[in-house]
N, C-alpha and C. Protein backbone atom coordinates (compact mmCIF):
# COMPACT_ATOMS: atom_id res chain seq x y z
N UNK A 1 136.54 82.64 170.70
CA UNK A 1 136.43 83.75 169.70
C UNK A 1 137.68 84.58 169.85
N UNK A 2 138.08 85.21 168.75
CA UNK A 2 139.14 86.21 168.80
C UNK A 2 140.38 85.87 169.69
N UNK A 3 140.76 86.78 170.40
CA UNK A 3 142.03 86.72 171.24
C UNK A 3 141.84 85.76 172.40
N UNK A 4 140.60 85.48 172.81
CA UNK A 4 140.34 84.72 173.90
C UNK A 4 140.98 83.38 173.94
N UNK A 5 140.82 82.67 172.93
CA UNK A 5 141.36 81.32 172.76
C UNK A 5 142.89 81.31 172.86
N UNK A 6 143.57 82.07 172.08
CA UNK A 6 145.02 82.11 172.14
C UNK A 6 145.48 82.52 173.56
N UNK A 7 144.82 83.45 174.17
CA UNK A 7 145.27 83.82 175.50
C UNK A 7 144.96 82.73 176.46
N UNK A 8 143.96 82.00 176.42
CA UNK A 8 143.82 80.81 177.24
C UNK A 8 144.87 79.76 177.09
N UNK A 9 145.25 79.57 175.72
CA UNK A 9 146.21 78.60 175.36
C UNK A 9 147.65 78.91 176.03
N UNK A 10 147.94 80.26 176.07
CA UNK A 10 149.28 80.69 176.53
C UNK A 10 149.08 81.79 177.64
N UNK A 11 148.55 81.42 178.76
CA UNK A 11 148.36 82.39 179.79
C UNK A 11 149.60 83.22 180.24
N UNK A 12 150.82 82.56 180.01
CA UNK A 12 151.98 83.30 180.36
C UNK A 12 152.28 84.45 179.31
N UNK A 13 151.86 84.36 178.13
CA UNK A 13 151.86 85.55 177.32
C UNK A 13 150.69 86.41 177.40
N UNK A 14 149.57 85.77 177.68
CA UNK A 14 148.23 86.54 177.88
C UNK A 14 148.52 87.66 178.87
N UNK A 15 149.15 87.37 180.03
CA UNK A 15 149.35 88.34 181.07
C UNK A 15 149.97 89.67 180.68
N UNK A 16 151.20 89.63 180.05
CA UNK A 16 151.72 90.90 179.54
C UNK A 16 151.01 91.62 178.43
N UNK A 17 150.30 90.82 177.57
CA UNK A 17 149.50 91.41 176.58
C UNK A 17 148.29 92.11 177.07
N UNK A 18 147.63 91.49 178.16
CA UNK A 18 146.48 92.19 178.79
C UNK A 18 146.97 93.41 179.53
N UNK A 19 148.20 93.25 180.21
CA UNK A 19 148.62 94.46 180.92
C UNK A 19 148.92 95.56 179.97
N UNK A 20 149.37 95.34 178.79
CA UNK A 20 149.75 96.38 177.79
C UNK A 20 148.41 97.01 177.34
N UNK A 21 147.47 96.17 176.96
CA UNK A 21 146.18 96.73 176.57
C UNK A 21 145.54 97.62 177.72
N UNK A 22 145.63 97.05 178.94
CA UNK A 22 145.13 97.88 180.16
C UNK A 22 145.72 99.25 180.20
N UNK A 23 147.09 99.37 180.12
CA UNK A 23 147.78 100.53 180.24
C UNK A 23 147.46 101.48 179.09
N UNK A 24 147.56 100.99 177.83
CA UNK A 24 147.28 101.83 176.74
C UNK A 24 145.75 102.32 176.60
N UNK A 25 144.83 101.42 177.01
CA UNK A 25 143.46 101.70 176.66
C UNK A 25 142.64 102.13 177.89
N UNK A 26 143.10 101.83 179.08
CA UNK A 26 142.18 102.22 180.25
C UNK A 26 142.92 103.01 181.32
N UNK A 27 144.30 103.06 181.37
CA UNK A 27 144.95 103.82 182.49
C UNK A 27 144.58 105.31 182.27
N UNK A 28 144.73 106.09 183.43
CA UNK A 28 144.48 107.50 183.35
C UNK A 28 145.24 108.08 182.20
N UNK A 29 144.74 109.05 181.51
CA UNK A 29 145.31 109.57 180.36
C UNK A 29 144.63 110.80 179.90
N UNK A 30 145.26 111.67 179.16
CA UNK A 30 144.66 112.86 178.60
C UNK A 30 143.71 112.63 177.49
N UNK A 31 143.92 111.52 176.82
CA UNK A 31 142.95 111.01 175.79
C UNK A 31 141.90 110.15 176.41
N UNK A 32 140.59 110.39 176.27
CA UNK A 32 139.58 109.62 176.90
C UNK A 32 139.57 108.21 176.42
N UNK A 33 139.23 107.30 177.24
CA UNK A 33 139.22 105.76 176.94
C UNK A 33 138.61 105.56 175.65
N UNK A 34 137.45 106.22 175.35
CA UNK A 34 136.67 105.89 174.10
C UNK A 34 137.51 106.23 172.89
N UNK A 35 138.27 107.35 172.98
CA UNK A 35 139.06 107.76 171.90
C UNK A 35 140.28 106.69 171.70
N UNK A 36 140.78 106.28 172.69
CA UNK A 36 141.89 105.29 172.52
C UNK A 36 141.45 103.95 172.04
N UNK A 37 140.20 103.57 172.44
CA UNK A 37 139.64 102.40 171.80
C UNK A 37 139.33 102.65 170.27
N UNK A 38 138.86 103.88 169.98
CA UNK A 38 138.61 104.21 168.65
C UNK A 38 139.86 104.05 167.77
N UNK A 39 141.03 104.51 168.30
CA UNK A 39 142.30 104.27 167.63
C UNK A 39 142.48 102.74 167.36
N UNK A 40 142.19 101.96 168.34
CA UNK A 40 142.42 100.52 168.20
C UNK A 40 141.47 99.91 167.15
N UNK A 41 140.19 100.46 167.15
CA UNK A 41 139.25 99.92 166.21
C UNK A 41 139.65 100.36 164.81
N UNK A 42 139.98 101.58 164.69
CA UNK A 42 140.50 102.18 163.31
C UNK A 42 141.59 101.41 162.73
N UNK A 43 142.58 101.14 163.50
CA UNK A 43 143.75 100.38 162.96
C UNK A 43 143.31 98.92 162.58
N UNK A 44 142.52 98.31 163.52
CA UNK A 44 142.03 96.96 163.21
C UNK A 44 141.26 96.85 162.03
N UNK A 45 140.46 97.90 161.78
CA UNK A 45 139.67 97.87 160.55
C UNK A 45 140.44 97.97 159.31
N UNK A 46 141.50 98.88 159.41
CA UNK A 46 142.44 98.91 158.25
C UNK A 46 143.15 97.68 158.08
N UNK A 47 143.41 96.95 159.06
CA UNK A 47 144.04 95.69 158.95
C UNK A 47 143.11 94.55 158.59
N UNK A 48 141.77 94.81 158.46
CA UNK A 48 140.79 93.83 158.18
C UNK A 48 140.78 92.71 159.14
N UNK A 49 140.97 93.02 160.35
CA UNK A 49 140.84 92.09 161.50
C UNK A 49 139.50 92.16 162.02
N UNK A 50 138.53 91.26 161.62
CA UNK A 50 137.18 91.33 161.91
C UNK A 50 136.90 91.32 163.41
N UNK A 51 137.49 90.36 164.12
CA UNK A 51 137.24 90.35 165.58
C UNK A 51 137.75 91.56 166.34
N UNK A 52 138.99 92.00 166.16
CA UNK A 52 139.48 93.19 166.88
C UNK A 52 138.76 94.42 166.52
N UNK A 53 138.45 94.60 165.11
CA UNK A 53 137.69 95.82 164.67
C UNK A 53 136.23 95.78 165.34
N UNK A 54 135.59 94.73 165.32
CA UNK A 54 134.24 94.64 165.87
C UNK A 54 134.26 94.82 167.41
N UNK A 55 135.13 94.16 168.06
CA UNK A 55 135.16 94.25 169.51
C UNK A 55 135.59 95.71 170.00
N UNK A 56 136.71 96.21 169.44
CA UNK A 56 137.15 97.60 169.88
C UNK A 56 136.21 98.64 169.41
N UNK A 57 135.50 98.39 168.27
CA UNK A 57 134.35 99.26 167.85
C UNK A 57 133.39 99.31 169.04
N UNK A 58 133.00 98.20 169.50
CA UNK A 58 131.94 98.10 170.49
C UNK A 58 132.51 98.73 171.91
N UNK A 59 133.74 98.51 172.11
CA UNK A 59 134.35 99.18 173.33
C UNK A 59 134.39 100.57 173.22
N UNK A 60 134.80 101.13 172.12
CA UNK A 60 134.78 102.64 171.87
C UNK A 60 133.30 103.14 171.98
N UNK A 61 132.46 102.54 171.30
CA UNK A 61 131.01 103.03 171.26
C UNK A 61 130.40 103.13 172.63
N UNK A 62 130.71 102.12 173.44
CA UNK A 62 130.36 102.08 174.86
C UNK A 62 130.87 103.22 175.80
N UNK A 63 131.90 103.92 175.23
CA UNK A 63 132.49 104.92 176.04
C UNK A 63 132.59 106.32 175.33
N UNK A 64 131.89 106.39 174.15
CA UNK A 64 131.74 107.65 173.50
C UNK A 64 130.30 108.06 173.43
N UNK A 65 129.93 109.41 173.77
CA UNK A 65 128.65 109.83 173.84
C UNK A 65 127.90 109.57 172.58
N UNK A 66 128.54 109.66 171.40
CA UNK A 66 127.91 109.44 170.13
C UNK A 66 127.85 107.99 169.74
N UNK A 67 128.38 107.12 170.49
CA UNK A 67 128.27 105.62 170.34
C UNK A 67 128.85 105.16 168.94
N UNK A 68 128.12 104.05 168.55
CA UNK A 68 128.56 103.38 167.34
C UNK A 68 128.38 104.23 166.13
N UNK A 69 127.39 105.24 166.11
CA UNK A 69 127.32 106.16 165.04
C UNK A 69 128.66 106.86 164.69
N UNK A 70 129.32 107.38 165.71
CA UNK A 70 130.59 108.10 165.56
C UNK A 70 131.66 107.03 165.07
N UNK A 71 131.68 105.81 165.63
CA UNK A 71 132.82 104.82 165.16
C UNK A 71 132.59 104.59 163.75
N UNK A 72 131.30 104.27 163.38
CA UNK A 72 131.07 103.98 161.91
C UNK A 72 131.51 105.09 161.01
N UNK A 73 131.24 106.38 161.44
CA UNK A 73 131.52 107.55 160.67
C UNK A 73 133.05 107.67 160.52
N UNK A 74 133.76 107.44 161.58
CA UNK A 74 135.25 107.58 161.55
C UNK A 74 135.78 106.40 160.67
N UNK A 75 135.33 105.28 160.79
CA UNK A 75 135.90 104.15 159.96
C UNK A 75 135.46 104.35 158.48
N UNK A 76 134.23 104.93 158.14
CA UNK A 76 133.85 105.14 156.86
C UNK A 76 134.73 106.25 156.12
N UNK A 77 134.87 107.32 156.84
CA UNK A 77 135.46 108.49 156.22
C UNK A 77 136.18 109.47 157.25
N UNK A 78 137.35 109.21 157.47
CA UNK A 78 138.06 109.98 158.55
C UNK A 78 138.03 111.54 158.28
N UNK A 79 137.97 111.92 157.04
CA UNK A 79 138.07 113.26 156.65
C UNK A 79 136.83 113.98 157.03
N UNK A 80 135.55 113.29 156.97
CA UNK A 80 134.42 114.03 157.26
C UNK A 80 133.70 113.63 158.54
N UNK A 81 134.38 112.78 159.26
CA UNK A 81 133.74 112.32 160.59
C UNK A 81 133.79 113.49 161.55
N UNK A 82 132.76 113.65 162.36
CA UNK A 82 132.54 114.74 163.32
C UNK A 82 133.40 114.56 164.49
N UNK A 83 134.67 114.59 164.37
CA UNK A 83 135.56 114.58 165.50
C UNK A 83 136.46 115.69 165.62
N UNK A 84 137.17 115.75 166.68
CA UNK A 84 138.09 117.00 166.87
C UNK A 84 139.20 116.97 165.90
N UNK A 85 139.81 118.05 165.62
CA UNK A 85 140.84 118.03 164.65
C UNK A 85 142.13 117.38 165.29
N UNK A 86 142.27 117.44 166.64
CA UNK A 86 143.31 116.68 167.24
C UNK A 86 143.11 115.19 167.11
N UNK A 87 142.02 114.61 167.41
CA UNK A 87 141.70 113.27 167.16
C UNK A 87 141.95 112.83 165.74
N UNK A 88 141.50 113.62 164.76
CA UNK A 88 141.72 113.24 163.33
C UNK A 88 143.20 113.31 163.02
N UNK A 89 144.01 114.19 163.57
CA UNK A 89 145.43 114.17 163.35
C UNK A 89 146.10 112.91 163.98
N UNK A 90 145.56 112.52 165.16
CA UNK A 90 146.11 111.35 165.79
C UNK A 90 145.78 110.02 164.99
N UNK A 91 144.50 109.98 164.44
CA UNK A 91 144.15 108.89 163.70
C UNK A 91 144.92 108.91 162.44
N UNK A 92 145.23 109.86 161.88
CA UNK A 92 146.09 109.90 160.65
C UNK A 92 147.55 109.33 161.08
N UNK A 93 148.06 109.56 162.15
CA UNK A 93 149.34 108.98 162.54
C UNK A 93 149.13 107.50 162.81
N UNK A 94 147.99 107.05 163.43
CA UNK A 94 147.73 105.70 163.58
C UNK A 94 147.61 105.06 162.26
N UNK A 95 146.97 105.60 161.27
CA UNK A 95 146.85 105.07 159.96
C UNK A 95 148.23 104.83 159.26
N UNK A 96 149.13 105.76 159.53
CA UNK A 96 150.44 105.70 158.88
C UNK A 96 151.20 104.56 159.63
N UNK A 97 151.09 104.40 160.92
CA UNK A 97 151.66 103.36 161.63
C UNK A 97 151.17 101.92 160.97
N UNK A 98 149.91 101.94 160.83
CA UNK A 98 149.35 100.64 160.29
C UNK A 98 149.98 100.22 159.04
N UNK A 99 150.49 101.19 158.18
CA UNK A 99 151.13 100.78 156.95
C UNK A 99 152.61 100.44 157.23
N UNK A 100 153.20 101.35 158.06
CA UNK A 100 154.68 101.16 158.34
C UNK A 100 154.96 102.26 159.34
N UNK A 101 155.75 101.94 160.33
CA UNK A 101 156.15 102.94 161.37
C UNK A 101 156.94 104.06 160.60
N UNK A 102 157.56 103.72 159.47
CA UNK A 102 158.35 104.73 158.78
C UNK A 102 157.44 105.64 158.03
N UNK A 103 156.17 105.43 158.03
CA UNK A 103 155.19 106.36 157.33
C UNK A 103 154.82 107.48 158.26
N UNK A 104 155.16 107.50 159.51
CA UNK A 104 154.89 108.52 160.35
C UNK A 104 155.95 109.66 160.11
N UNK A 105 155.42 110.77 159.49
CA UNK A 105 156.30 111.77 159.06
C UNK A 105 156.40 112.85 160.08
N UNK A 106 157.38 113.75 159.88
CA UNK A 106 157.50 114.97 160.79
C UNK A 106 156.31 115.83 160.59
N UNK A 107 155.70 115.80 159.39
CA UNK A 107 154.52 116.58 158.98
C UNK A 107 153.35 116.14 159.76
N UNK A 108 153.10 114.82 159.89
CA UNK A 108 152.01 114.20 160.65
C UNK A 108 152.07 114.52 162.15
N UNK A 109 153.37 114.55 162.64
CA UNK A 109 153.56 114.86 164.03
C UNK A 109 153.35 116.33 164.26
N UNK A 110 153.83 117.20 163.33
CA UNK A 110 153.64 118.65 163.49
C UNK A 110 152.14 118.98 163.39
N UNK A 111 151.47 118.28 162.48
CA UNK A 111 150.01 118.70 162.37
C UNK A 111 149.32 118.25 163.67
N UNK A 112 149.59 117.04 164.37
CA UNK A 112 149.03 116.68 165.46
C UNK A 112 149.34 117.66 166.69
N UNK A 113 150.57 118.21 166.67
CA UNK A 113 150.94 119.10 167.81
C UNK A 113 150.24 120.42 167.55
N UNK A 114 150.08 120.77 166.20
CA UNK A 114 149.37 122.05 165.92
C UNK A 114 147.98 122.08 166.36
N UNK A 115 147.39 120.82 166.39
CA UNK A 115 145.98 120.62 166.80
C UNK A 115 145.86 120.39 168.34
N UNK A 116 147.01 120.54 169.05
CA UNK A 116 146.95 120.37 170.52
C UNK A 116 147.37 119.05 171.04
N UNK A 117 147.87 118.05 170.24
CA UNK A 117 148.32 116.80 170.74
C UNK A 117 149.64 116.97 171.53
N UNK A 118 149.68 116.33 172.68
CA UNK A 118 150.86 116.39 173.52
C UNK A 118 151.86 115.20 173.02
N UNK A 119 153.06 115.31 173.42
CA UNK A 119 153.96 114.26 173.10
C UNK A 119 153.58 112.85 173.56
N UNK A 120 152.92 112.90 174.83
CA UNK A 120 152.41 111.63 175.38
C UNK A 120 151.30 111.01 174.51
N UNK A 121 150.45 111.97 174.04
CA UNK A 121 149.26 111.48 173.10
C UNK A 121 149.81 110.97 171.77
N UNK A 122 150.82 111.59 171.28
CA UNK A 122 151.34 111.06 169.98
C UNK A 122 152.12 109.77 170.17
N UNK A 123 152.88 109.68 171.25
CA UNK A 123 153.60 108.50 171.66
C UNK A 123 152.62 107.24 171.80
N UNK A 124 151.64 107.57 172.54
CA UNK A 124 150.68 106.45 172.89
C UNK A 124 149.79 106.08 171.61
N UNK A 125 149.55 107.07 170.80
CA UNK A 125 148.82 106.76 169.48
C UNK A 125 149.59 105.72 168.73
N UNK A 126 150.98 106.03 168.57
CA UNK A 126 151.87 105.19 167.83
C UNK A 126 151.80 103.79 168.44
N UNK A 127 152.02 103.71 169.78
CA UNK A 127 152.05 102.52 170.47
C UNK A 127 150.76 101.76 170.39
N UNK A 128 149.66 102.40 170.45
CA UNK A 128 148.38 101.70 170.27
C UNK A 128 148.22 101.12 168.94
N UNK A 129 148.61 101.95 167.89
CA UNK A 129 148.50 101.51 166.52
C UNK A 129 149.47 100.26 166.30
N UNK A 130 150.70 100.39 166.77
CA UNK A 130 151.59 99.32 166.58
C UNK A 130 151.23 98.09 167.34
N UNK A 131 150.77 98.12 168.61
CA UNK A 131 150.29 97.06 169.37
C UNK A 131 149.08 96.39 168.66
N UNK A 132 148.10 97.17 168.09
CA UNK A 132 147.10 96.52 167.49
C UNK A 132 147.42 95.96 166.09
N UNK A 133 148.43 96.36 165.42
CA UNK A 133 149.03 95.62 164.32
C UNK A 133 149.39 94.20 164.65
N UNK A 134 150.11 94.17 165.93
CA UNK A 134 150.46 92.88 166.41
C UNK A 134 149.31 92.04 166.88
N UNK A 135 148.38 92.66 167.55
CA UNK A 135 147.23 91.98 168.08
C UNK A 135 146.42 91.42 166.94
N UNK A 136 146.19 92.21 165.89
CA UNK A 136 145.46 91.83 164.68
C UNK A 136 146.11 90.57 164.03
N UNK A 137 147.43 90.60 163.85
CA UNK A 137 148.22 89.53 163.24
C UNK A 137 148.08 88.18 164.16
N UNK A 138 148.06 88.44 165.50
CA UNK A 138 148.03 87.34 166.42
C UNK A 138 146.63 86.58 166.34
N UNK A 139 145.63 87.39 166.38
CA UNK A 139 144.27 86.92 166.19
C UNK A 139 144.02 86.18 164.77
N UNK A 140 144.39 86.95 163.65
CA UNK A 140 144.18 86.31 162.44
C UNK A 140 145.14 85.29 161.98
N UNK A 141 146.37 85.46 162.50
CA UNK A 141 147.35 84.34 162.19
C UNK A 141 147.09 83.04 162.80
N UNK A 142 146.36 82.96 163.87
CA UNK A 142 145.83 81.71 164.49
C UNK A 142 144.53 81.29 163.94
N UNK A 143 143.92 82.08 163.04
CA UNK A 143 142.60 81.61 162.45
C UNK A 143 141.44 81.59 163.45
N UNK A 144 141.45 82.52 164.40
CA UNK A 144 140.41 82.44 165.32
C UNK A 144 139.01 82.87 164.85
N UNK A 145 137.98 82.56 165.52
CA UNK A 145 136.57 82.70 165.23
C UNK A 145 136.16 84.14 165.59
N UNK A 146 135.44 84.79 164.68
CA UNK A 146 135.01 86.15 164.87
C UNK A 146 133.44 86.10 164.82
N UNK A 147 132.66 86.27 165.86
CA UNK A 147 131.25 86.25 165.75
C UNK A 147 130.72 87.32 164.93
N UNK A 148 129.60 87.14 164.32
CA UNK A 148 128.97 88.06 163.49
C UNK A 148 128.04 88.93 164.14
N UNK A 149 127.84 90.18 163.69
CA UNK A 149 126.95 91.14 164.28
C UNK A 149 127.40 91.83 165.53
N UNK A 150 127.19 93.16 165.67
CA UNK A 150 127.63 93.90 166.81
C UNK A 150 127.07 93.44 168.10
N UNK A 151 125.85 92.83 168.10
CA UNK A 151 125.18 92.40 169.26
C UNK A 151 126.03 91.34 170.02
N UNK A 152 126.86 90.64 169.27
CA UNK A 152 127.75 89.56 169.81
C UNK A 152 128.80 90.18 170.73
N UNK A 153 129.14 91.43 170.49
CA UNK A 153 130.19 92.07 171.27
C UNK A 153 129.75 92.85 172.39
N UNK A 154 128.48 93.08 172.58
CA UNK A 154 127.89 93.86 173.64
C UNK A 154 128.31 93.51 175.03
N UNK A 155 128.26 92.16 175.32
CA UNK A 155 128.61 91.68 176.62
C UNK A 155 130.00 91.88 176.92
N UNK A 156 130.86 91.66 175.91
CA UNK A 156 132.19 91.87 176.08
C UNK A 156 132.62 93.32 176.31
N UNK A 157 131.91 94.17 175.69
CA UNK A 157 132.16 95.63 175.86
C UNK A 157 131.77 96.04 177.35
N UNK A 158 130.73 95.56 177.86
CA UNK A 158 130.43 95.92 179.22
C UNK A 158 131.44 95.40 180.09
N UNK A 159 131.99 94.21 179.90
CA UNK A 159 133.00 93.60 180.87
C UNK A 159 134.24 94.37 180.79
N UNK A 160 134.57 94.78 179.60
CA UNK A 160 135.90 95.51 179.43
C UNK A 160 135.85 96.90 180.03
N UNK A 161 134.63 97.56 179.79
CA UNK A 161 134.46 98.82 180.33
C UNK A 161 134.44 98.84 181.88
N UNK A 162 133.77 97.81 182.39
CA UNK A 162 133.64 97.69 183.90
C UNK A 162 134.82 97.09 184.61
N UNK A 163 135.48 96.13 184.04
CA UNK A 163 136.62 95.53 184.78
C UNK A 163 137.93 95.47 184.07
N UNK A 164 137.98 95.77 182.79
CA UNK A 164 139.17 95.81 182.14
C UNK A 164 139.74 94.60 181.43
N UNK A 165 140.97 94.78 180.89
CA UNK A 165 141.55 93.69 180.14
C UNK A 165 142.10 92.41 180.90
N UNK A 166 142.29 92.63 182.23
CA UNK A 166 142.87 91.58 182.97
C UNK A 166 141.88 90.44 183.05
N UNK A 167 140.63 90.63 182.82
CA UNK A 167 139.63 89.52 182.79
C UNK A 167 139.47 88.78 181.47
N UNK A 168 140.03 89.33 180.43
CA UNK A 168 139.87 88.81 179.07
C UNK A 168 140.25 87.40 178.88
N UNK A 169 141.32 87.01 179.46
CA UNK A 169 141.87 85.65 179.41
C UNK A 169 141.13 84.70 180.31
N UNK A 170 140.42 85.12 181.27
CA UNK A 170 139.73 84.26 182.27
C UNK A 170 138.31 84.09 181.88
N UNK A 171 137.73 84.93 181.11
CA UNK A 171 136.17 85.01 181.02
C UNK A 171 135.94 84.86 179.53
N UNK A 172 134.93 84.04 179.14
CA UNK A 172 134.64 83.98 177.77
C UNK A 172 134.28 85.22 177.08
N UNK A 173 134.80 85.44 175.97
CA UNK A 173 134.54 86.65 175.19
C UNK A 173 133.11 86.93 174.88
N UNK A 174 132.30 85.98 174.48
CA UNK A 174 130.91 86.15 174.16
C UNK A 174 130.07 84.94 174.59
């Protein structure tokens, strides 16, 4: 399912891809892990990548106090979702990246800074969004299988939260 098959097929490319995901989504940071996973889920949803959206939604939900309810609210309507103004501004940047990196305007960056986002948070939001555009195209471009239903992603979420992305290529996803 999803990225697991392609990563098993090319372990020499899986290693740096997993390392990138580990740094962007799990390494110590001023943005909580759940919020970084939410950025990945948001971009994946906008890209209509079923596997990445469902899996990273599950990963985000497992690390956010509000769980899947919040993930669903953000994905349904960013403007009314009960999130901080800073996270909303960062998600707007991520949404711009999903369309084109050139859509990240000085106004979007200024808005994020005005809401308290640091240069590191803005940088990493852009990089998470860009990386997930690539991951989404990798998964969908190879026609991978995406299990149906959120329950299919629960075990994967626990494994990612507990041990991280280094295990993704070695362990079955579901």
